[in-house]
């Protein structure tokens, strides 16, 4: 979501104010740096402050150098940001990022440091300019905000309640993406499965996904993130039906313990999650499942943690994003008293990562000798020759191939070797 928001911000700055966009430019060579923040994990604040700190010497040397901070951290911590970092010129929240042009213009003309955060959350106006990063995949936000109020999550407070975009606006954006030559579209939302419930018309996420997949048969369609409580049989059937919908599903479980899930306010049981994962694997051959999981949630006992290990053994995810619980002021869990000591949390996450690494390796070994369709995305970080390319399979496996290819090509390969978590493949012509 933040990456797609950054593309809108770049589009507005480019189209309205004429800024040239440098995604990876050197700070000393630019006139404005905008730091777009998240606020989900514990180390975000330190990282943001570190980035701003590295810009301070440029600020002293270049009088008109502008530093702006936006996103979720800015939405909830605006006063602290301006107080702690006097080199920051403006702070803007998630509720009004689309006003970035007006904000920068005001800062340049008046020179006043202040926040431009609005407390009322509104959807971005339709038809905003966007400046996408180059590549083969384009991001399309279909719904903003979240209504779930998981007890550990700050998102409902930093992004507001769910607001769905109109299907017409989404399809118009995808039309433009296809015309621009992108080969994959990812539909985005804090919970994509909730799409449409607030539109007062007969459309839901399954209907939107089916419309996009049928309308653009030559484009790979991906989506993220799904909430297990809203993932239904109808959606599984649509994914199974359309070959251009990718076979990669990210389905955050957060915990394998019913006690912890209930306290997290996740809205499903471990039994329901296991049943759903098994159904997905049965009805969508070749699917790759990944998940998010949190260890050390307040009150998590050793038995509760073992339930998570057991769930991993039963489902066998292709990959997992593992996190240690960290407090977020403003969430319900911030006030829970039975916090888990850091040494126990660190031990548990090491154990969970070791288990997942073992499972991932076992799954990946089964792909050697198999045939895969791969979308060429670019060059490997350490390419051995000009003809070495890196691509991604329909179920999210990274594959290195050698040949006369171009970025955006779709090719079939036979997997010949496993290189850690990456594969090497031989093109099939």
Protein backbone atom coordinates (compact mmCIF):
# COMPACT_ATOMS: atom_id res chain seq x y z
CA UNK A 1 0.00 0.00 0.00
CA UNK A 2 2.75 2.47 0.91
CA UNK A 3 4.58 1.74 -2.33
CA UNK A 4 1.45 2.47 -4.36
CA UNK A 5 0.81 5.63 -2.30
CA UNK A 6 4.36 6.73 -3.12
CA UNK A 7 3.60 6.33 -6.82
CA UNK A 8 0.60 8.66 -6.47
CA UNK A 9 2.70 11.17 -4.53
CA UNK A 10 5.38 11.05 -7.23
CA UNK A 11 2.72 11.47 -9.92
CA UNK A 12 1.28 14.59 -8.29
CA UNK A 13 4.70 16.15 -7.68
CA UNK A 14 5.69 15.41 -11.28
CA UNK A 15 2.49 16.46 -13.06
CA UNK A 16 1.42 19.39 -10.87
CA UNK A 17 4.77 20.88 -9.83
CA UNK A 18 7.13 19.59 -12.52
CA UNK A 19 9.48 17.64 -10.24
CA UNK A 20 11.67 15.03 -11.88
CA UNK A 21 11.26 11.78 -9.92
CA UNK A 22 14.33 9.84 -8.79
CA UNK A 23 13.39 6.66 -6.93
CA UNK A 24 17.01 5.93 -6.07
CA UNK A 25 18.69 9.32 -6.51
CA UNK A 26 21.38 10.71 -4.22
CA UNK A 27 19.82 13.11 -1.66
CA UNK A 28 22.48 15.75 -2.31
CA UNK A 29 21.44 15.90 -5.97
CA UNK A 30 17.74 16.61 -5.35
CA UNK A 31 15.58 19.48 -4.09
CA UNK A 32 12.97 17.50 -2.14
CA UNK A 33 12.99 14.21 -0.26
CA UNK A 34 9.70 12.69 0.85
CA UNK A 35 9.85 9.89 3.41
CA UNK A 36 6.69 7.75 3.22
CA UNK A 37 6.32 5.75 6.41
CA UNK A 38 4.65 2.63 7.77
CA UNK A 39 3.87 2.13 11.46
CA UNK A 40 3.17 -1.58 11.81
CA UNK A 41 6.51 -2.88 13.08
CA UNK A 42 8.53 -1.78 16.08
CA UNK A 43 11.70 -0.50 14.39
CA UNK A 44 9.98 1.92 11.99
CA UNK A 45 10.47 5.03 14.14
CA UNK A 46 14.21 4.45 14.53
CA UNK A 47 14.60 3.84 10.80
CA UNK A 48 12.69 7.00 9.86
CA UNK A 49 14.70 9.11 12.32
CA UNK A 50 17.90 7.61 10.92
CA UNK A 51 16.91 8.55 7.35
CA UNK A 52 16.08 12.11 8.40
CA UNK A 53 19.34 12.32 10.33
CA UNK A 54 21.31 11.46 7.19
CA UNK A 55 19.59 14.33 5.36
CA UNK A 56 20.33 17.00 7.96
CA UNK A 57 23.80 17.90 6.64
CA UNK A 58 22.29 18.50 3.18
CA UNK A 59 19.66 20.74 4.76
CA UNK A 60 22.41 22.87 6.28
CA UNK A 61 24.19 23.17 2.92
CA UNK A 62 21.17 23.71 0.63
CA UNK A 63 18.87 26.49 1.78
CA UNK A 64 15.87 25.44 -0.32
CA UNK A 65 16.17 21.69 0.34
CA UNK A 66 12.78 20.35 1.51
CA UNK A 67 12.21 17.31 3.75
CA UNK A 68 8.68 15.93 4.06
CA UNK A 69 7.36 12.96 6.02
CA UNK A 70 4.07 11.18 5.35
CA UNK A 71 2.19 7.94 5.81
CA UNK A 72 1.02 6.03 8.85
CA UNK A 73 3.72 7.14 11.29
CA UNK A 74 3.10 10.77 10.33
CA UNK A 75 -0.64 10.31 10.84
CA UNK A 76 -0.27 9.28 14.49
CA UNK A 77 3.04 10.88 15.53
CA UNK A 78 3.02 14.26 13.77
CA UNK A 79 3.73 16.43 16.84
CA UNK A 80 6.64 14.29 17.98
CA UNK A 81 8.15 14.24 14.50
CA UNK A 82 8.16 18.02 14.19
CA UNK A 83 9.51 18.44 17.71
CA UNK A 84 12.28 15.84 17.46
CA UNK A 85 13.34 16.67 13.91
CA UNK A 86 13.48 20.46 13.32
CA UNK A 87 14.88 19.87 9.81
CA UNK A 88 11.54 18.38 8.71
CA UNK A 89 9.59 21.01 6.76
CA UNK A 90 6.19 19.34 6.71
CA UNK A 91 4.28 16.30 7.88
CA UNK A 92 1.30 14.95 5.97
CA UNK A 93 -0.89 11.98 6.91
CA UNK A 94 -2.54 9.14 5.03
CA UNK A 95 -5.85 10.99 5.02
CA UNK A 96 -4.73 13.72 2.61
CA UNK A 97 -1.67 12.53 0.71
CA UNK A 98 -3.41 13.59 -2.48
CA UNK A 99 -2.89 17.23 -1.37
CA UNK A 100 0.89 16.87 -1.51
CA UNK A 101 1.10 19.40 -4.38
CA UNK A 102 -0.68 22.09 -2.40
CA UNK A 103 1.41 21.33 0.68
CA UNK A 104 4.77 21.60 -1.10
CA UNK A 105 3.69 24.80 -2.84
CA UNK A 106 2.72 26.35 0.51
CA UNK A 107 5.97 25.28 2.17
CA UNK A 108 8.01 26.76 -0.69
CA UNK A 109 6.13 30.08 -0.71
CA UNK A 110 5.64 30.65 3.01
CA UNK A 111 8.44 28.64 4.58
CA UNK A 112 6.41 27.64 7.64
CA UNK A 113 7.02 24.28 9.32
CA UNK A 114 3.80 22.52 10.27
CA UNK A 115 1.70 19.42 9.93
CA UNK A 116 -0.94 19.01 7.27
CA UNK A 117 -2.58 15.97 8.87
CA UNK A 118 -6.37 15.68 8.69
CA UNK A 119 -8.25 13.47 11.11
CA UNK A 120 -11.14 12.68 8.78
CA UNK A 121 -10.32 9.85 6.39
CA UNK A 122 -11.50 10.19 2.82
CA UNK A 123 -10.74 8.20 -0.29
CA UNK A 124 -8.36 9.73 -2.78
CA UNK A 125 -10.14 11.51 -5.63
CA UNK A 126 -10.48 9.44 -8.77
CA UNK A 127 -8.14 9.94 -11.70
CA UNK A 128 -5.09 11.11 -9.73
CA UNK A 129 -1.84 11.24 -11.72
CA UNK A 130 0.51 8.37 -10.97
CA UNK A 131 4.23 7.90 -11.62
CA UNK A 132 4.95 4.19 -11.56
CA UNK A 133 8.30 2.56 -11.06
CA UNK A 134 9.54 0.79 -14.15
CA UNK A 135 9.15 -2.97 -14.30
CA UNK A 136 6.60 -5.57 -15.27
CA UNK A 137 4.19 -5.33 -12.33
CA UNK A 138 1.83 -2.45 -11.58
CA UNK A 139 0.00 -1.91 -8.27
CA UNK A 140 -3.66 -0.92 -8.16
CA UNK A 141 -5.28 -0.02 -4.84
CA UNK A 142 -8.92 -1.17 -4.79
CA UNK A 143 -9.82 -0.51 -1.15
CA UNK A 144 -8.33 1.63 1.61
CA UNK A 145 -8.58 1.34 5.35
CA UNK A 146 -9.66 -1.54 7.57
CA UNK A 147 -12.71 -2.41 9.69
CA UNK A 148 -11.30 -5.43 11.50
CA UNK A 149 -9.66 -3.86 14.57
CA UNK A 150 -7.22 -6.64 15.35
CA UNK A 151 -6.06 -5.81 18.86
CA UNK A 152 -2.39 -5.44 17.85
CA UNK A 153 -2.94 -3.36 14.68
CA UNK A 154 -2.74 0.41 14.23
CA UNK A 155 -4.06 0.46 10.63
CA UNK A 156 -7.73 1.34 11.41
CA UNK A 157 -6.42 4.37 13.30
CA UNK A 158 -3.85 5.47 10.69
CA UNK A 159 -5.85 4.73 7.52
CA UNK A 160 -9.42 4.86 8.72
CA UNK A 161 -12.40 2.65 7.84
CA UNK A 162 -12.74 0.73 4.60
CA UNK A 163 -13.50 2.74 1.47
CA UNK A 164 -13.81 0.88 -1.85
CA UNK A 165 -12.97 2.48 -5.17
CA UNK A 166 -15.57 2.30 -7.91
CA UNK A 167 -15.09 -0.64 -10.30
CA UNK A 168 -15.18 1.80 -13.22
CA UNK A 169 -12.22 3.74 -11.83
CA UNK A 170 -10.27 0.54 -11.17
CA UNK A 171 -10.90 -0.85 -14.66
CA UNK A 172 -9.94 2.47 -16.23
CA UNK A 173 -6.63 2.38 -14.36
CA UNK A 174 -5.98 -1.22 -15.39
CA UNK A 175 -6.79 -0.26 -19.00
CA UNK A 176 -4.04 2.35 -18.84
CA UNK A 177 -1.63 -0.09 -17.23
CA UNK A 178 -2.14 -2.61 -20.03
CA UNK A 179 -1.65 0.12 -22.66
CA UNK A 180 1.61 1.12 -20.96
CA UNK A 181 2.93 -2.41 -21.43
CA UNK A 182 2.87 -3.85 -17.92
CA UNK A 183 2.55 -7.63 -17.80
CA UNK A 184 1.16 -8.13 -14.29
CA UNK A 185 -1.35 -6.26 -12.14
CA UNK A 186 -1.57 -6.58 -8.36
CA UNK A 187 -4.85 -5.55 -6.73
CA UNK A 188 -4.12 -4.03 -3.31
CA UNK A 189 -5.93 -3.51 -0.04
CA UNK A 190 -5.45 -3.95 3.68
CA UNK A 191 -8.15 -6.57 3.17
CA UNK A 192 -8.98 -7.04 -0.52
CA UNK A 193 -11.70 -9.56 0.34
CA UNK A 194 -13.79 -6.78 1.86
CA UNK A 195 -13.97 -4.90 -1.42
CA UNK A 196 -17.40 -3.63 -2.46
CA UNK A 197 -19.38 -3.98 0.78
CA UNK A 198 -19.64 -0.19 1.10
CA UNK A 199 -20.50 0.59 -2.54
CA UNK A 200 -24.25 -0.14 -2.33
CA UNK A 201 -24.17 -2.11 -5.56
CA UNK A 202 -23.99 -5.76 -6.53
CA UNK A 203 -20.22 -6.28 -6.63
CA UNK A 204 -17.71 -7.89 -4.30
CA UNK A 205 -14.05 -8.79 -4.56
CA UNK A 206 -14.74 -12.08 -6.32
CA UNK A 207 -16.83 -10.25 -8.92
CA UNK A 208 -14.14 -7.61 -9.44
CA UNK A 209 -11.39 -10.23 -9.74
CA UNK A 210 -13.44 -12.19 -12.29
CA UNK A 211 -14.08 -9.02 -14.31
CA UNK A 212 -10.40 -8.06 -14.38
CA UNK A 213 -9.22 -11.59 -15.21
CA UNK A 214 -11.72 -12.05 -18.04
CA UNK A 215 -11.14 -8.57 -19.46
CA UNK A 216 -7.34 -8.91 -19.59
CA UNK A 217 -6.60 -12.59 -20.39
CA UNK A 218 -2.98 -11.91 -21.38
CA UNK A 219 -2.07 -10.15 -18.12
CA UNK A 220 -1.20 -11.95 -14.91
CA UNK A 221 -3.54 -10.88 -12.09
CA UNK A 222 -2.36 -10.98 -8.49
CA UNK A 223 -3.88 -9.68 -5.24
CA UNK A 224 -2.79 -8.95 -1.70
CA UNK A 225 -3.65 -9.07 1.21
CA UNK A 226 -6.45 -11.50 2.03
CA UNK A 227 -8.11 -11.93 5.40
CA UNK A 228 -8.86 -15.59 6.21
CA UNK A 229 -12.28 -14.82 7.68
CA UNK A 230 -13.46 -13.37 4.34
CA UNK A 231 -11.85 -15.90 1.97
CA UNK A 232 -14.71 -18.03 0.63
CA UNK A 233 -15.40 -20.93 -1.76
CA UNK A 234 -16.62 -18.57 -4.47
CA UNK A 235 -13.23 -16.84 -4.54
CA UNK A 236 -11.38 -20.16 -4.66
CA UNK A 237 -13.51 -21.23 -7.64
CA UNK A 238 -12.74 -18.02 -9.57
CA UNK A 239 -8.98 -18.36 -8.97
CA UNK A 240 -9.15 -21.98 -10.12
CA UNK A 241 -11.16 -21.03 -13.23
CA UNK A 242 -8.87 -18.32 -14.63
CA UNK A 243 -5.37 -19.39 -15.66
CA UNK A 244 -4.10 -15.79 -15.69
CA UNK A 245 -4.78 -15.33 -11.96
CA UNK A 246 -1.48 -16.14 -10.30
CA UNK A 247 -1.16 -19.21 -8.09
CA UNK A 248 0.26 -17.30 -5.15
CA UNK A 249 -1.92 -16.50 -2.15
CA UNK A 250 -0.75 -14.58 0.90
CA UNK A 251 -3.02 -15.53 3.80
CA UNK A 252 -1.89 -14.10 7.18
CA UNK A 253 -2.62 -16.49 10.05
CA UNK A 254 -0.82 -14.55 12.85
CA UNK A 255 -1.10 -17.46 15.32
CA UNK A 256 -1.93 -21.15 15.44
CA UNK A 257 -3.56 -20.90 18.86
CA UNK A 258 -7.32 -20.40 19.27
CA UNK A 259 -6.75 -18.58 22.53
CA UNK A 260 -4.34 -16.12 20.93
CA UNK A 261 -6.45 -15.71 17.78
CA UNK A 262 -9.47 -14.81 19.89
CA UNK A 263 -7.46 -12.31 21.89
CA UNK A 264 -6.13 -10.83 18.65
CA UNK A 265 -9.74 -10.46 17.43
CA UNK A 266 -8.94 -12.28 14.17
CA UNK A 267 -12.44 -13.67 13.61
CA UNK A 268 -11.54 -17.29 12.78
CA UNK A 269 -10.27 -20.41 14.54
CA UNK A 270 -7.20 -22.51 13.77
CA UNK A 271 -9.55 -25.25 12.59
CA UNK A 272 -11.25 -22.89 10.12
CA UNK A 273 -7.86 -21.67 8.86
CA UNK A 274 -6.49 -25.20 8.36
CA UNK A 275 -9.68 -26.23 6.54
CA UNK A 276 -9.42 -23.16 4.28
CA UNK A 277 -5.74 -23.75 3.48
CA UNK A 278 -6.38 -27.41 2.64
CA UNK A 279 -9.31 -26.47 0.39
CA UNK A 280 -7.17 -23.90 -1.46
CA UNK A 281 -4.44 -26.49 -2.05
CA UNK A 282 -6.93 -29.09 -3.24
CA UNK A 283 -8.85 -26.85 -5.66
CA UNK A 284 -5.94 -24.78 -7.03
CA UNK A 285 -3.16 -27.15 -8.19
CA UNK A 286 0.34 -25.71 -7.90
CA UNK A 287 -0.71 -22.94 -5.53
CA UNK A 288 1.92 -21.39 -3.29
CA UNK A 289 0.79 -20.27 0.17
CA UNK A 290 2.57 -17.71 2.31
CA UNK A 291 1.58 -16.18 5.61
CA UNK A 292 2.32 -13.63 8.33
CA UNK A 293 2.78 -14.86 11.87
CA UNK A 294 3.50 -13.10 15.14
CA UNK A 295 5.19 -14.65 18.16
CA UNK A 296 5.18 -13.38 21.71
CA UNK A 297 1.71 -11.84 21.67
CA UNK A 298 0.67 -10.93 25.24
CA UNK A 299 -0.44 -14.02 27.11
CA UNK A 300 1.01 -16.49 24.58
CA UNK A 301 2.00 -19.59 26.57
CA UNK A 302 4.42 -22.29 25.49
CA UNK A 303 1.45 -24.47 24.63
CA UNK A 304 -0.01 -21.68 22.49
CA UNK A 305 3.32 -21.32 20.68
CA UNK A 306 3.46 -25.06 20.07
CA UNK A 307 0.02 -24.78 18.46
CA UNK A 308 1.59 -22.38 15.95
CA UNK A 309 4.44 -24.81 15.25
CA UNK A 310 1.89 -27.58 14.79
CA UNK A 311 -0.14 -25.47 12.35
CA UNK A 312 2.99 -24.83 10.29
CA UNK A 313 3.67 -28.56 10.16
CA UNK A 314 0.11 -29.29 9.06
CA UNK A 315 -0.21 -26.61 6.37
CA UNK A 316 3.41 -26.41 5.14
CA UNK A 317 3.60 -22.85 3.85
CA UNK A 318 5.95 -22.10 0.97
CA UNK A 319 7.17 -19.09 2.93
CA UNK A 320 6.31 -17.05 5.99
CA UNK A 321 6.94 -13.51 7.21
CA UNK A 322 7.66 -13.89 10.91
CA UNK A 323 7.56 -11.07 13.45
CA UNK A 324 8.04 -10.52 17.16
CA UNK A 325 5.09 -8.74 18.76
CA UNK A 326 5.79 -5.10 19.56
CA UNK A 327 3.53 -2.62 21.36
CA UNK A 328 1.67 0.03 19.40
CA UNK A 329 0.25 2.86 21.48
CA UNK A 330 -3.43 3.30 20.63
CA UNK A 331 -4.13 -0.39 20.07
CA UNK A 332 -6.01 -2.61 22.53
CA UNK A 333 -3.03 -4.92 23.10
CA UNK A 334 -0.90 -1.97 24.23
CA UNK A 335 -2.81 -2.13 27.52
CA UNK A 336 -2.58 -5.91 27.97
CA UNK A 337 -0.58 -6.60 31.11
CA UNK A 338 0.74 -10.12 30.46
CA UNK A 339 3.60 -9.18 28.09
CA UNK A 340 6.11 -11.84 27.08
CA UNK A 341 9.80 -11.28 28.02
CA UNK A 342 12.11 -10.43 25.11
CA UNK A 343 14.36 -13.46 25.59
CA UNK A 344 11.37 -15.81 25.28
CA UNK A 345 10.10 -14.02 22.17
CA UNK A 346 13.53 -14.25 20.53
CA UNK A 347 13.82 -17.96 21.31
CA UNK A 348 10.39 -18.67 19.89
CA UNK A 349 10.93 -16.80 16.65
CA UNK A 350 14.25 -18.57 16.07
CA UNK A 351 12.51 -21.91 16.52
CA UNK A 352 9.70 -20.93 14.15
CA UNK A 353 12.08 -19.61 11.49
CA UNK A 354 14.15 -22.81 11.66
CA UNK A 355 11.00 -24.89 11.13
CA UNK A 356 9.80 -22.76 8.21
CA UNK A 357 13.24 -22.81 6.56
CA UNK A 358 13.19 -26.60 6.72
CA UNK A 359 9.70 -26.76 5.19
CA UNK A 360 10.56 -24.24 2.47
CA UNK A 361 13.64 -26.18 1.46
CA UNK A 362 11.71 -29.45 1.35
CA UNK A 363 9.00 -27.90 -0.83
CA UNK A 364 11.48 -26.20 -3.15
CA UNK A 365 13.40 -29.42 -3.77
CA UNK A 366 10.26 -30.93 -5.28
CA UNK A 367 10.36 -28.37 -8.11
CA UNK A 368 13.66 -29.59 -9.56
CA UNK A 369 12.87 -31.24 -12.89
CA UNK A 370 9.43 -29.61 -13.16
CA UNK A 371 8.22 -27.22 -15.85
CA UNK A 372 7.24 -23.63 -14.95
CA UNK A 373 6.00 -20.54 -16.74
CA UNK A 374 8.16 -17.56 -15.79
CA UNK A 375 7.73 -13.81 -16.27
CA UNK A 376 11.11 -12.15 -16.87
CA UNK A 377 11.51 -9.22 -14.46
CA UNK A 378 15.11 -8.11 -14.86
CA UNK A 379 18.70 -9.04 -14.10
CA UNK A 380 19.86 -11.01 -11.04
CA UNK A 381 21.79 -8.98 -8.48
CA UNK A 382 24.93 -10.92 -9.38
CA UNK A 383 24.43 -11.77 -13.02
CA UNK A 384 27.22 -13.93 -14.44
CA UNK A 385 26.66 -12.70 -18.01
CA UNK A 386 24.63 -10.24 -20.10
CA UNK A 387 22.32 -13.09 -21.07
CA UNK A 388 21.39 -14.04 -17.50
CA UNK A 389 17.90 -12.95 -16.43
CA UNK A 390 15.69 -13.32 -13.38
CA UNK A 391 12.01 -14.06 -13.47
CA UNK A 392 9.14 -15.09 -11.27
CA UNK A 393 6.83 -18.04 -11.72
CA UNK A 394 3.06 -17.86 -11.51
CA UNK A 395 3.31 -19.22 -7.96
CA UNK A 396 5.97 -16.70 -6.89
CA UNK A 397 9.18 -18.72 -7.28
CA UNK A 398 12.27 -16.76 -8.35
CA UNK A 399 14.02 -18.39 -11.32
CA UNK A 400 17.31 -17.50 -13.02
CA UNK A 401 17.60 -18.35 -16.74
CA UNK A 402 20.08 -17.67 -19.51
CA UNK A 403 19.14 -16.65 -23.05
CA UNK A 404 18.19 -13.86 -25.44
CA UNK A 405 15.24 -12.51 -23.48
CA UNK A 406 13.66 -9.14 -22.73
CA UNK A 407 12.04 -7.83 -19.56
CA UNK A 408 8.35 -8.72 -19.78
CA UNK A 409 8.83 -11.95 -21.74
CA UNK A 410 6.90 -14.98 -20.55
CA UNK A 411 8.76 -18.23 -21.10
CA UNK A 412 8.59 -21.86 -20.05
CA UNK A 413 11.55 -23.34 -18.21
CA UNK A 414 12.57 -26.65 -16.72
CA UNK A 415 13.95 -26.25 -13.20
CA UNK A 416 17.45 -27.69 -13.11
CA UNK A 417 18.86 -26.54 -9.79
CA UNK A 418 17.92 -25.12 -6.39
CA UNK A 419 20.14 -22.23 -5.26
CA UNK A 420 19.08 -21.53 -1.66
CA UNK A 421 15.57 -20.04 -2.07
CA UNK A 422 16.13 -19.31 -5.77
CA UNK A 423 15.98 -21.67 -8.75
CA UNK A 424 17.95 -22.03 -11.96
CA UNK A 425 16.01 -23.06 -15.01
CA UNK A 426 16.61 -24.15 -18.61
CA UNK A 427 14.39 -22.50 -21.25
CA UNK A 428 11.99 -24.79 -23.10
CA UNK A 429 11.39 -23.72 -26.70
